[in-house]
């Protein structure tokens, strides 16, 4: 299974190379931007990816996964706000609440995939 995933990633990179080399100056090399990361879908995608990559590290293993995903969501949303509209007290307070939504969405999505794999 691991070899299949590795082959798929390599194929995706090979297929993406011509697109990356054909940059027309319109940001073709950018996979995402801060405005996208400020959305529920963008923040959930990046948080899920970072959680899966880092959850086996010694530092992160000391935290429950839900807490780790909330902290990551909070950082992503704060940075997205800071780099797009500017961070204010009001937007920071919204980030605290929105991070919970992103975290719950990310954790729920992962749980759903695990249930489907077990079915």
Protein backbone atom coordinates (compact mmCIF):
# COMPACT_ATOMS: atom_id res chain seq x y z
CA UNK A 1 0.00 0.00 0.00
CA UNK A 2 2.83 2.40 0.85
CA UNK A 3 4.49 1.69 -2.49
CA UNK A 4 1.24 2.44 -4.30
CA UNK A 5 0.92 5.78 -2.53
CA UNK A 6 4.54 6.63 -3.34
CA UNK A 7 4.01 5.77 -7.00
CA UNK A 8 0.86 7.92 -7.12
CA UNK A 9 2.67 10.89 -5.57
CA UNK A 10 5.58 10.56 -8.02
CA UNK A 11 3.17 10.34 -10.97
CA UNK A 12 1.29 13.41 -9.75
CA UNK A 13 4.55 15.34 -9.50
CA UNK A 14 5.61 14.25 -12.99
CA UNK A 15 2.26 15.31 -14.42
CA UNK A 16 2.38 18.63 -12.58
CA UNK A 17 5.90 19.52 -13.73
CA UNK A 18 4.94 20.83 -17.20
CA UNK A 19 2.25 23.00 -15.65
CA UNK A 20 4.71 24.38 -13.11
CA UNK A 21 7.29 25.13 -15.79
CA UNK A 22 4.71 26.93 -17.95
CA UNK A 23 4.25 29.77 -15.46
CA UNK A 24 2.60 32.67 -17.21
CA UNK A 25 3.18 35.03 -14.31
CA UNK A 26 -0.37 34.66 -13.04
CA UNK A 27 0.56 32.60 -9.99
CA UNK A 28 0.44 29.16 -11.61
CA UNK A 29 3.08 27.99 -9.13
CA UNK A 30 0.91 28.83 -6.14
CA UNK A 31 -1.09 25.91 -4.83
CA UNK A 32 -2.93 28.03 -2.30
CA UNK A 33 -2.86 31.50 -0.84
CA UNK A 34 -3.74 33.16 2.46
CA UNK A 35 -7.25 34.06 1.29
CA UNK A 36 -7.94 30.38 0.57
CA UNK A 37 -6.48 29.31 3.91
CA UNK A 38 -8.89 31.70 5.60
CA UNK A 39 -11.88 29.65 4.38
CA UNK A 40 -13.32 26.59 6.08
CA UNK A 41 -12.27 24.33 3.22
CA UNK A 42 -8.74 25.74 2.94
CA UNK A 43 -8.08 25.78 6.68
CA UNK A 44 -9.53 22.28 7.11
CA UNK A 45 -7.39 20.89 4.29
CA UNK A 46 -4.13 22.35 5.58
CA UNK A 47 -4.87 21.45 9.21
CA UNK A 48 -5.72 17.85 8.27
CA UNK A 49 -2.51 17.60 6.25
CA UNK A 50 -0.29 19.04 8.98
CA UNK A 51 -1.92 16.90 11.69
CA UNK A 52 -1.35 13.72 9.69
CA UNK A 53 2.27 14.63 8.97
CA UNK A 54 3.15 15.66 12.54
CA UNK A 55 1.03 13.48 14.83
CA UNK A 56 3.77 10.85 15.23
CA UNK A 57 6.42 13.35 16.33
CA UNK A 58 7.53 13.18 19.96
CA UNK A 59 6.37 16.70 20.84
CA UNK A 60 2.92 16.33 19.30
CA UNK A 61 2.28 12.85 20.74
CA UNK A 62 2.02 14.45 24.18
CA UNK A 63 -1.09 16.36 23.07
CA UNK A 64 -4.48 14.88 22.21
CA UNK A 65 -5.01 15.05 18.44
CA UNK A 66 -8.09 17.24 18.87
CA UNK A 67 -6.12 19.82 20.86
CA UNK A 68 -3.31 19.76 18.30
CA UNK A 69 -5.76 20.28 15.42
CA UNK A 70 -7.41 23.19 17.27
CA UNK A 71 -4.05 24.89 17.88
CA UNK A 72 -3.06 24.45 14.24
CA UNK A 73 -6.42 25.76 13.06
CA UNK A 74 -6.05 28.79 15.31
CA UNK A 75 -2.57 29.58 13.99
CA UNK A 76 -3.65 29.12 10.36
CA UNK A 77 -6.69 31.37 10.77
CA UNK A 78 -4.76 34.05 12.67
CA UNK A 79 -2.06 34.11 9.99
CA UNK A 80 -4.63 34.13 7.19
CA UNK A 81 -6.37 37.09 8.80
CA UNK A 82 -3.10 38.91 9.43
CA UNK A 83 -1.95 38.52 5.82
CA UNK A 84 -5.27 39.37 4.18
CA UNK A 85 -7.52 41.83 6.02
CA UNK A 86 -5.30 42.57 9.00
CA UNK A 87 -5.58 41.19 12.50
CA UNK A 88 -7.78 43.10 14.93
CA UNK A 89 -9.18 42.20 18.32
CA UNK A 90 -12.52 41.37 16.72
CA UNK A 91 -11.02 39.17 14.01
CA UNK A 92 -8.81 37.39 16.57
CA UNK A 93 -11.89 36.62 18.68
CA UNK A 94 -13.62 35.23 15.59
CA UNK A 95 -10.55 33.12 14.89
CA UNK A 96 -10.87 31.53 18.33
CA UNK A 97 -14.40 30.41 17.49
CA UNK A 98 -13.74 29.54 13.86
CA UNK A 99 -10.73 27.42 14.84
CA UNK A 100 -13.10 25.19 16.81
CA UNK A 101 -15.26 24.74 13.70
CA UNK A 102 -12.22 23.95 11.53
CA UNK A 103 -10.87 21.53 14.13
CA UNK A 104 -14.19 19.71 14.51
CA UNK A 105 -14.60 19.53 10.74
CA UNK A 106 -11.09 18.15 10.31
CA UNK A 107 -11.45 15.59 13.10
CA UNK A 108 -14.90 14.54 11.92
CA UNK A 109 -13.68 14.09 8.34
CA UNK A 110 -10.79 11.91 9.48
CA UNK A 111 -13.10 9.80 11.65
CA UNK A 112 -15.50 9.31 8.73
CA UNK A 113 -12.68 8.08 6.49
CA UNK A 114 -11.50 5.67 9.19
CA UNK A 115 -15.05 4.30 9.58
CA UNK A 116 -15.35 3.76 5.83
CA UNK A 117 -12.00 1.96 5.73
CA UNK A 118 -13.20 -0.37 8.50
CA UNK A 119 -16.53 -1.10 6.79
